[in-house]
Amino acid sequence: MKQCSKRCSDDSTATQGDDGAASTIEHVFGTLKHWMGSTHFLTRGLQHVGTEISLHVLAYNFKRLIKLLGIAEAIRAMRLAGA
């Protein structure tokens, strides 16, 4: 535990955040939280909550794919991946 905290405190990138990865991740979680209504999970139990968040992440990834490729190209890519 002490080694981990020392390593984290010695790591200059952990405090600087120059690469923008944190802001990229924050955007995804902010979007998911907004879609969920910024409240709580609708299901109970770890397995059900895991399924719920997985569905939200899947929907986010599909929307992102469609935005990047367009509907026709996304469908074509999914058909090629399934073949």
PDB file of N, CA and C in Angstrom:
ATOM      1  N   MET A   1       0.825  -1.186   0.000  1.00  0.00           N
ATOM      2  CA  MET A   1       0.000   0.000   0.000  1.00  0.00           C
ATOM      3  C   MET A   1       0.870   1.251   0.000  1.00  0.00           C
ATOM      4  N   LYS A   2       1.900   1.246   0.825  1.00  0.00           N
ATOM      5  CA  LYS A   2       2.783   2.416   0.883  1.00  0.00           C
ATOM      6  C   LYS A   2       3.515   2.611  -0.441  1.00  0.00           C
ATOM      7  N   GLN A   3       3.898   1.481  -1.075  1.00  0.00           N
ATOM      8  CA  GLN A   3       4.594   1.581  -2.354  1.00  0.00           C
ATOM      9  C   GLN A   3       3.684   2.187  -3.417  1.00  0.00           C
ATOM     10  N   CYS A   4       2.423   1.781  -3.390  1.00  0.00           N
ATOM     11  CA  CYS A   4       1.471   2.300  -4.369  1.00  0.00           C
ATOM     12  C   CYS A   4       1.253   3.795  -4.191  1.00  0.00           C
ATOM     13  N   SER A   5       1.056   4.246  -2.958  1.00  0.00           N
ATOM     14  CA  SER A   5       0.833   5.669  -2.735  1.00  0.00           C
ATOM     15  C   SER A   5       2.078   6.479  -3.051  1.00  0.00           C
ATOM     16  N   LYS A   6       3.266   5.924  -2.759  1.00  0.00           N
ATOM     17  CA  LYS A   6       4.500   6.619  -3.105  1.00  0.00           C
ATOM     18  C   LYS A   6       4.645   6.706  -4.616  1.00  0.00           C
ATOM     19  N   ARG A   7       4.340   5.595  -5.317  1.00  0.00           N
ATOM     20  CA  ARG A   7       4.451   5.578  -6.770  1.00  0.00           C
ATOM     21  C   ARG A   7       3.485   6.591  -7.384  1.00  0.00           C
ATOM     22  N   CYS A   8       2.271   6.664  -6.832  1.00  0.00           N
ATOM     23  CA  CYS A   8       1.287   7.618  -7.366  1.00  0.00           C
ATOM     24  C   CYS A   8       1.707   9.050  -7.094  1.00  0.00           C
ATOM     25  N   SER A   9       2.275   9.301  -5.929  1.00  0.00           N
ATOM     26  CA  SER A   9       2.688  10.670  -5.621  1.00  0.00           C
ATOM     27  C   SER A   9       3.939  11.062  -6.395  1.00  0.00           C
ATOM     28  N   ASP A  10       4.791  10.091  -6.732  1.00  0.00           N
ATOM     29  CA  ASP A  10       5.990  10.377  -7.513  1.00  0.00           C
ATOM     30  C   ASP A  10       5.689  10.533  -8.991  1.00  0.00           C
ATOM     31  N   ASP A  11       4.583   9.994  -9.431  1.00  0.00           N
ATOM     32  CA  ASP A  11       4.232  10.031 -10.841  1.00  0.00           C
ATOM     33  C   ASP A  11       3.779  11.435 -11.220  1.00  0.00           C
ATOM     34  N   SER A  12       4.538  12.085 -12.076  1.00  0.00           N
ATOM     35  CA  SER A  12       4.210  13.468 -12.432  1.00  0.00           C
ATOM     36  C   SER A  12       2.955  13.563 -13.281  1.00  0.00           C
ATOM     37  N   THR A  13       2.643  12.514 -14.076  1.00  0.00           N
ATOM     38  CA  THR A  13       1.458  12.578 -14.928  1.00  0.00           C
ATOM     39  C   THR A  13       0.182  12.422 -14.122  1.00  0.00           C
ATOM     40  N   ALA A  14       0.257  11.828 -12.948  1.00  0.00           N
ATOM     41  CA  ALA A  14      -0.945  11.642 -12.134  1.00  0.00           C
ATOM     42  C   ALA A  14      -1.483  12.970 -11.639  1.00  0.00           C
ATOM     43  N   THR A  15      -0.599  13.931 -11.433  1.00  0.00           N
ATOM     44  CA  THR A  15      -1.054  15.226 -10.932  1.00  0.00           C
ATOM     45  C   THR A  15      -1.253  16.238 -12.045  1.00  0.00           C
ATOM     46  N   GLN A  16      -0.527  16.096 -13.149  1.00  0.00           N
ATOM     47  CA  GLN A  16      -0.612  17.093 -14.205  1.00  0.00           C
ATOM     48  C   GLN A  16      -1.839  16.915 -15.075  1.00  0.00           C
ATOM     49  N   GLY A  17      -2.073  15.709 -15.543  1.00  0.00           N
ATOM     50  CA  GLY A  17      -3.221  15.473 -16.412  1.00  0.00           C
ATOM     51  C   GLY A  17      -3.102  16.145 -17.764  1.00  0.00           C
ATOM     52  N   ASP A  18      -1.908  16.194 -18.320  1.00  0.00           N
ATOM     53  CA  ASP A  18      -1.673  16.888 -19.580  1.00  0.00           C
ATOM     54  C   ASP A  18      -2.240  16.166 -20.793  1.00  0.00           C
ATOM     55  N   ASP A  19      -2.428  14.861 -20.686  1.00  0.00           N
ATOM     56  CA  ASP A  19      -2.794  14.090 -21.862  1.00  0.00           C
ATOM     57  C   ASP A  19      -4.268  14.176 -22.230  1.00  0.00           C
ATOM     58  N   GLY A  20      -5.110  14.693 -21.384  1.00  0.00           N
ATOM     59  CA  GLY A  20      -6.515  14.848 -21.699  1.00  0.00           C
ATOM     60  C   GLY A  20      -7.343  13.597 -21.493  1.00  0.00           C
ATOM     61  N   ALA A  21      -6.732  12.521 -21.023  1.00  0.00           N
ATOM     62  CA  ALA A  21      -7.469  11.274 -20.826  1.00  0.00           C
ATOM     63  C   ALA A  21      -8.547  11.431 -19.764  1.00  0.00           C
ATOM     64  N   ALA A  22      -8.251  12.153 -18.714  1.00  0.00           N
ATOM     65  CA  ALA A  22      -9.237  12.339 -17.643  1.00  0.00           C
ATOM     66  C   ALA A  22     -10.464  13.072 -18.159  1.00  0.00           C
ATOM     67  N   SER A  23     -10.262  14.087 -18.979  1.00  0.00           N
ATOM     68  CA  SER A  23     -11.408  14.826 -19.497  1.00  0.00           C
ATOM     69  C   SER A  23     -12.214  13.977 -20.474  1.00  0.00           C
ATOM     70  N   THR A  24     -11.548  13.081 -21.192  1.00  0.00           N
ATOM     71  CA  THR A  24     -12.258  12.186 -22.099  1.00  0.00           C
ATOM     72  C   THR A  24     -13.124  11.220 -21.315  1.00  0.00           C
ATOM     73  N   ILE A  25     -12.587  10.652 -20.273  1.00  0.00           N
ATOM     74  CA  ILE A  25     -13.327   9.708 -19.441  1.00  0.00           C
ATOM     75  C   ILE A  25     -14.458  10.416 -18.708  1.00  0.00           C
ATOM     76  N   GLU A  26     -14.203  11.605 -18.202  1.00  0.00           N
ATOM     77  CA  GLU A  26     -15.239  12.353 -17.487  1.00  0.00           C
ATOM     78  C   GLU A  26     -16.433  12.617 -18.398  1.00  0.00           C
ATOM     79  N   HIS A  27     -16.191  12.883 -19.662  1.00  0.00           N
ATOM     80  CA  HIS A  27     -17.283  13.145 -20.596  1.00  0.00           C
ATOM     81  C   HIS A  27     -18.182  11.912 -20.736  1.00  0.00           C
ATOM     82  N   VAL A  28     -17.570  10.745 -20.851  1.00  0.00           N
ATOM     83  CA  VAL A  28     -18.343   9.506 -21.006  1.00  0.00           C
ATOM     84  C   VAL A  28     -19.208   9.270 -19.781  1.00  0.00           C
ATOM     85  N   PHE A  29     -18.627   9.381 -18.597  1.00  0.00           N
ATOM     86  CA  PHE A  29     -19.408   9.146 -17.393  1.00  0.00           C
ATOM     87  C   PHE A  29     -20.473  10.218 -17.194  1.00  0.00           C
ATOM     88  N   GLY A  30     -20.174  11.442 -17.570  1.00  0.00           N
ATOM     89  CA  GLY A  30     -21.171  12.496 -17.487  1.00  0.00           C
ATOM     90  C   GLY A  30     -22.352  12.236 -18.410  1.00  0.00           C
ATOM     91  N   THR A  31     -22.051  11.767 -19.618  1.00  0.00           N
ATOM     92  CA  THR A  31     -23.105  11.438 -20.573  1.00  0.00           C
ATOM     93  C   THR A  31     -23.965  10.292 -20.053  1.00  0.00           C
ATOM     94  N   LEU A  32     -23.320   9.234 -19.561  1.00  0.00           N
ATOM     95  CA  LEU A  32     -24.072   8.094 -19.032  1.00  0.00           C
ATOM     96  C   LEU A  32     -24.937   8.517 -17.853  1.00  0.00           C
ATOM     97  N   LYS A  33     -24.391   9.342 -16.979  1.00  0.00           N
ATOM     98  CA  LYS A  33     -25.156   9.801 -15.813  1.00  0.00           C
ATOM     99  C   LYS A  33     -26.359  10.629 -16.265  1.00  0.00           C
ATOM    100  N   HIS A  34     -26.182  11.452 -17.278  1.00  0.00           N
ATOM    101  CA  HIS A  34     -27.277  12.260 -17.792  1.00  0.00           C
ATOM    102  C   HIS A  34     -28.365  11.373 -18.389  1.00  0.00           C
ATOM    103  N   TRP A  35     -27.977  10.352 -19.161  1.00  0.00           N
ATOM    104  CA  TRP A  35     -28.950   9.430 -19.748  1.00  0.00           C
ATOM    105  C   TRP A  35     -29.731   8.688 -18.681  1.00  0.00           C
ATOM    106  N   MET A  36     -29.052   8.374 -17.582  1.00  0.00           N
ATOM    107  CA  MET A  36     -29.704   7.615 -16.515  1.00  0.00           C
ATOM    108  C   MET A  36     -30.597   8.511 -15.655  1.00  0.00           C
ATOM    109  N   GLY A  37     -30.588   9.781 -15.912  1.00  0.00           N
ATOM    110  CA  GLY A  37     -31.417  10.695 -15.154  1.00  0.00           C
ATOM    111  C   GLY A  37     -30.718  11.288 -13.947  1.00  0.00           C
ATOM    112  N   SER A  38     -29.397  11.151 -13.890  1.00  0.00           N
ATOM    113  CA  SER A  38     -28.584  11.708 -12.803  1.00  0.00           C
ATOM    114  C   SER A  38     -29.075  11.286 -11.421  1.00  0.00           C
ATOM    115  N   THR A  39     -29.667  10.117 -11.327  1.00  0.00           N
ATOM    116  CA  THR A  39     -30.154   9.698 -10.019  1.00  0.00           C
ATOM    117  C   THR A  39     -29.516   8.387  -9.608  1.00  0.00           C
ATOM    118  N   HIS A  40     -30.212   7.321  -9.746  1.00  0.00           N
ATOM    119  CA  HIS A  40     -29.754   6.027  -9.248  1.00  0.00           C
ATOM    120  C   HIS A  40     -30.064   4.951 -10.287  1.00  0.00           C
ATOM    121  N   PHE A  41     -29.556   3.766 -10.021  1.00  0.00           N
ATOM    122  CA  PHE A  41     -29.869   2.642 -10.897  1.00  0.00           C
ATOM    123  C   PHE A  41     -31.310   2.204 -10.669  1.00  0.00           C
ATOM    124  N   LEU A  42     -31.921   1.708 -11.720  1.00  0.00           N
ATOM    125  CA  LEU A  42     -33.313   1.284 -11.623  1.00  0.00           C
ATOM    126  C   LEU A  42     -33.456  -0.134 -11.083  1.00  0.00           C
ATOM    127  N   THR A  43     -32.364  -0.878 -11.089  1.00  0.00           N
ATOM    128  CA  THR A  43     -32.399  -2.262 -10.630  1.00  0.00           C
ATOM    129  C   THR A  43     -31.701  -2.385  -9.275  1.00  0.00           C
ATOM    130  N   ARG A  44     -31.867  -3.558  -8.668  1.00  0.00           N
ATOM    131  CA  ARG A  44     -31.209  -3.829  -7.393  1.00  0.00           C
ATOM    132  C   ARG A  44     -30.358  -5.083  -7.536  1.00  0.00           C
ATOM    133  N   GLY A  45     -29.310  -5.137  -6.786  1.00  0.00           N
ATOM    134  CA  GLY A  45     -28.406  -6.277  -6.824  1.00  0.00           C
ATOM    135  C   GLY A  45     -27.259  -6.024  -7.779  1.00  0.00           C
ATOM    136  N   LEU A  46     -26.094  -6.491  -7.399  1.00  0.00           N
ATOM    137  CA  LEU A  46     -24.890  -6.218  -8.175  1.00  0.00           C
ATOM    138  C   LEU A  46     -24.978  -6.748  -9.605  1.00  0.00           C
ATOM    139  N   GLN A  47     -25.505  -7.933  -9.783  1.00  0.00           N
ATOM    140  CA  GLN A  47     -25.597  -8.509 -11.125  1.00  0.00           C
ATOM    141  C   GLN A  47     -26.546  -7.691 -12.011  1.00  0.00           C
ATOM    142  N   HIS A  48     -27.673  -7.278 -11.461  1.00  0.00           N
ATOM    143  CA  HIS A  48     -28.648  -6.500 -12.236  1.00  0.00           C
ATOM    144  C   HIS A  48     -28.121  -5.100 -12.547  1.00  0.00           C
ATOM    145  N   VAL A  49     -27.456  -4.486 -11.584  1.00  0.00           N
ATOM    146  CA  VAL A  49     -26.885  -3.160 -11.810  1.00  0.00           C
ATOM    147  C   VAL A  49     -25.772  -3.244 -12.852  1.00  0.00           C
ATOM    148  N   GLY A  50     -24.981  -4.307 -12.797  1.00  0.00           N
ATOM    149  CA  GLY A  50     -23.946  -4.506 -13.815  1.00  0.00           C
ATOM    150  C   GLY A  50     -24.534  -4.636 -15.205  1.00  0.00           C
ATOM    151  N   THR A  51     -25.643  -5.345 -15.300  1.00  0.00           N
ATOM    152  CA  THR A  51     -26.331  -5.479 -16.591  1.00  0.00           C
ATOM    153  C   THR A  51     -26.859  -4.131 -17.053  1.00  0.00           C
ATOM    154  N   GLU A  52     -27.430  -3.373 -16.137  1.00  0.00           N
ATOM    155  CA  GLU A  52     -27.988  -2.060 -16.488  1.00  0.00           C
ATOM    156  C   GLU A  52     -26.907  -1.121 -17.005  1.00  0.00           C
ATOM    157  N   ILE A  53     -25.785  -1.057 -16.312  1.00  0.00           N
ATOM    158  CA  ILE A  53     -24.723  -0.149 -16.760  1.00  0.00           C
ATOM    159  C   ILE A  53     -24.123  -0.644 -18.071  1.00  0.00           C
ATOM    160  N   SER A  54     -24.057  -1.963 -18.254  1.00  0.00           N
ATOM    161  CA  SER A  54     -23.544  -2.512 -19.513  1.00  0.00           C
ATOM    162  C   SER A  54     -24.426  -2.107 -20.687  1.00  0.00           C
ATOM    163  N   LEU A  55     -25.732  -2.103 -20.483  1.00  0.00           N
ATOM    164  CA  LEU A  55     -26.645  -1.681 -21.551  1.00  0.00           C
ATOM    165  C   LEU A  55     -26.482  -0.197 -21.864  1.00  0.00           C
ATOM    166  N   HIS A  56     -26.265   0.617 -20.829  1.00  0.00           N
ATOM    167  CA  HIS A  56     -26.025   2.043 -21.060  1.00  0.00           C
ATOM    168  C   HIS A  56     -24.733   2.250 -21.849  1.00  0.00           C
ATOM    169  N   VAL A  57     -23.696   1.514 -21.498  1.00  0.00           N
ATOM    170  CA  VAL A  57     -22.410   1.634 -22.198  1.00  0.00           C
ATOM    171  C   VAL A  57     -22.545   1.151 -23.637  1.00  0.00           C
ATOM    172  N   LEU A  58     -23.260   0.062 -23.853  1.00  0.00           N
ATOM    173  CA  LEU A  58     -23.484  -0.443 -25.210  1.00  0.00           C
ATOM    174  C   LEU A  58     -24.218   0.593 -26.065  1.00  0.00           C
ATOM    175  N   ALA A  59     -25.254   1.205 -25.489  1.00  0.00           N
ATOM    176  CA  ALA A  59     -25.998   2.242 -26.218  1.00  0.00           C
ATOM    177  C   ALA A  59     -25.096   3.433 -26.532  1.00  0.00           C
ATOM    178  N   TYR A  60     -24.256   3.832 -25.573  1.00  0.00           N
ATOM    179  CA  TYR A  60     -23.324   4.934 -25.800  1.00  0.00           C
ATOM    180  C   TYR A  60     -22.380   4.600 -26.956  1.00  0.00           C
ATOM    181  N   ASN A  61     -21.842   3.375 -26.952  1.00  0.00           N
ATOM    182  CA  ASN A  61     -20.904   2.971 -27.996  1.00  0.00           C
ATOM    183  C   ASN A  61     -21.572   2.909 -29.369  1.00  0.00           C
ATOM    184  N   PHE A  62     -22.820   2.437 -29.428  1.00  0.00           N
ATOM    185  CA  PHE A  62     -23.538   2.408 -30.701  1.00  0.00           C
ATOM    186  C   PHE A  62     -23.805   3.821 -31.217  1.00  0.00           C
ATOM    187  N   LYS A  63     -24.228   4.710 -30.337  1.00  0.00           N
ATOM    188  CA  LYS A  63     -24.483   6.086 -30.760  1.00  0.00           C
ATOM    189  C   LYS A  63     -23.204   6.745 -31.254  1.00  0.00           C
ATOM    190  N   ARG A  64     -22.110   6.455 -30.593  1.00  0.00           N
ATOM    191  CA  ARG A  64     -20.809   7.004 -30.983  1.00  0.00           C
ATOM    192  C   ARG A  64     -20.376   6.446 -32.343  1.00  0.00           C
ATOM    193  N   LEU A  65     -20.567   5.144 -32.530  1.00  0.00           N
ATOM    194  CA  LEU A  65     -20.229   4.505 -33.798  1.00  0.00           C
ATOM    195  C   LEU A  65     -21.012   5.113 -34.950  1.00  0.00           C
ATOM    196  N   ILE A  66     -22.300   5.297 -34.734  1.00  0.00           N
ATOM    197  CA  ILE A  66     -23.153   5.871 -35.782  1.00  0.00           C
ATOM    198  C   ILE A  66     -22.756   7.309 -36.074  1.00  0.00           C
ATOM    199  N   LYS A  67     -22.409   8.056 -35.053  1.00  0.00           N
ATOM    200  CA  LYS A  67     -21.996   9.445 -35.259  1.00  0.00           C
ATOM    201  C   LYS A  67     -20.687   9.520 -36.045  1.00  0.00           C
ATOM    202  N   LEU A  68     -19.772   8.587 -35.770  1.00  0.00           N
ATOM    203  CA  LEU A  68     -18.481   8.609 -36.453  1.00  0.00           C
ATOM    204  C   LEU A  68     -18.558   8.082 -37.887  1.00  0.00           C
ATOM    205  N   LEU A  69     -19.285   6.986 -38.086  1.00  0.00           N
ATOM    206  CA  LEU A  69     -19.303   6.339 -39.393  1.00  0.00           C
ATOM    207  C   LEU A  69     -20.528   6.663 -40.236  1.00  0.00           C
ATOM    208  N   GLY A  70     -21.612   7.034 -39.608  1.00  0.00           N
ATOM    209  CA  GLY A  70     -22.877   7.179 -40.315  1.00  0.00           C
ATOM    210  C   GLY A  70     -23.638   5.869 -40.227  1.00  0.00           C
ATOM    211  N   ILE A  71     -24.932   5.916 -40.429  1.00  0.00           N
ATOM    212  CA  ILE A  71     -25.770   4.735 -40.245  1.00  0.00           C
ATOM    213  C   ILE A  71     -25.419   3.631 -41.241  1.00  0.00           C
ATOM    214  N   ALA A  72     -25.323   3.983 -42.517  1.00  0.00           N
ATOM    215  CA  ALA A  72     -25.076   2.961 -43.548  1.00  0.00           C
ATOM    216  C   ALA A  72     -23.745   2.257 -43.322  1.00  0.00           C
ATOM    217  N   GLU A  73     -22.703   3.012 -43.061  1.00  0.00           N
ATOM    218  CA  GLU A  73     -21.376   2.418 -42.853  1.00  0.00           C
ATOM    219  C   GLU A  73     -21.326   1.603 -41.564  1.00  0.00           C
ATOM    220  N   ALA A  74     -22.028   2.053 -40.516  1.00  0.00           N
ATOM    221  CA  ALA A  74     -22.068   1.302 -39.259  1.00  0.00           C
ATOM    222  C   ALA A  74     -22.767  -0.042 -39.443  1.00  0.00           C
ATOM    223  N   ILE A  75     -23.869  -0.041 -40.188  1.00  0.00           N
ATOM    224  CA  ILE A  75     -24.579  -1.302 -40.458  1.00  0.00           C
ATOM    225  C   ILE A  75     -23.706  -2.233 -41.285  1.00  0.00           C
ATOM    226  N   ARG A  76     -23.020  -1.680 -42.274  1.00  0.00           N
ATOM    227  CA  ARG A  76     -22.141  -2.487 -43.111  1.00  0.00           C
ATOM    228  C   ARG A  76     -21.015  -3.097 -42.265  1.00  0.00           C
ATOM    229  N   ALA A  77     -20.429  -2.312 -41.370  1.00  0.00           N
ATOM    230  CA  ALA A  77     -19.353  -2.809 -40.517  1.00  0.00           C
ATOM    231  C   ALA A  77     -19.841  -3.901 -39.579  1.00  0.00           C
ATOM    232  N   MET A  78     -21.069  -3.744 -39.047  1.00  0.00           N
ATOM    233  CA  MET A  78     -21.617  -4.771 -38.159  1.00  0.00           C
ATOM    234  C   MET A  78     -21.898  -6.052 -38.914  1.00  0.00           C
ATOM    235  N   ARG A  79     -22.372  -5.929 -40.157  1.00  0.00           N
ATOM    236  CA  ARG A  79     -22.622  -7.136 -40.964  1.00  0.00           C
ATOM    237  C   ARG A  79     -21.323  -7.852 -41.281  1.00  0.00           C
ATOM    238  N   LEU A  80     -20.277  -7.099 -41.588  1.00  0.00           N
ATOM    239  CA  LEU A  80     -18.973  -7.706 -41.873  1.00  0.00           C
ATOM    240  C   LEU A  80     -18.395  -8.373 -40.629  1.00  0.00           C
ATOM    241  N   ALA A  81     -18.598  -7.772 -39.471  1.00  0.00           N
ATOM    242  CA  ALA A  81     -18.073  -8.338 -38.222  1.00  0.00           C
ATOM    243  C   ALA A  81     -18.818  -9.623 -37.852  1.00  0.00           C
ATOM    244  N   GLY A  82     -20.085  -9.708 -38.213  1.00  0.00           N
ATOM    245  CA  GLY A  82     -20.879 -10.887 -37.894  1.00  0.00           C
ATOM    246  C   GLY A  82     -20.675 -12.041 -38.855  1.00  0.00           C
ATOM    247  N   ALA A  83     -20.069 -11.763 -39.991  1.00  0.00           N
ATOM    248  CA  ALA A  83     -19.896 -12.813 -41.012  1.00  0.00           C
ATOM    249  C   ALA A  83     -18.715 -13.701 -40.736  1.00  0.00           C
TER     250      ALA A  83
END
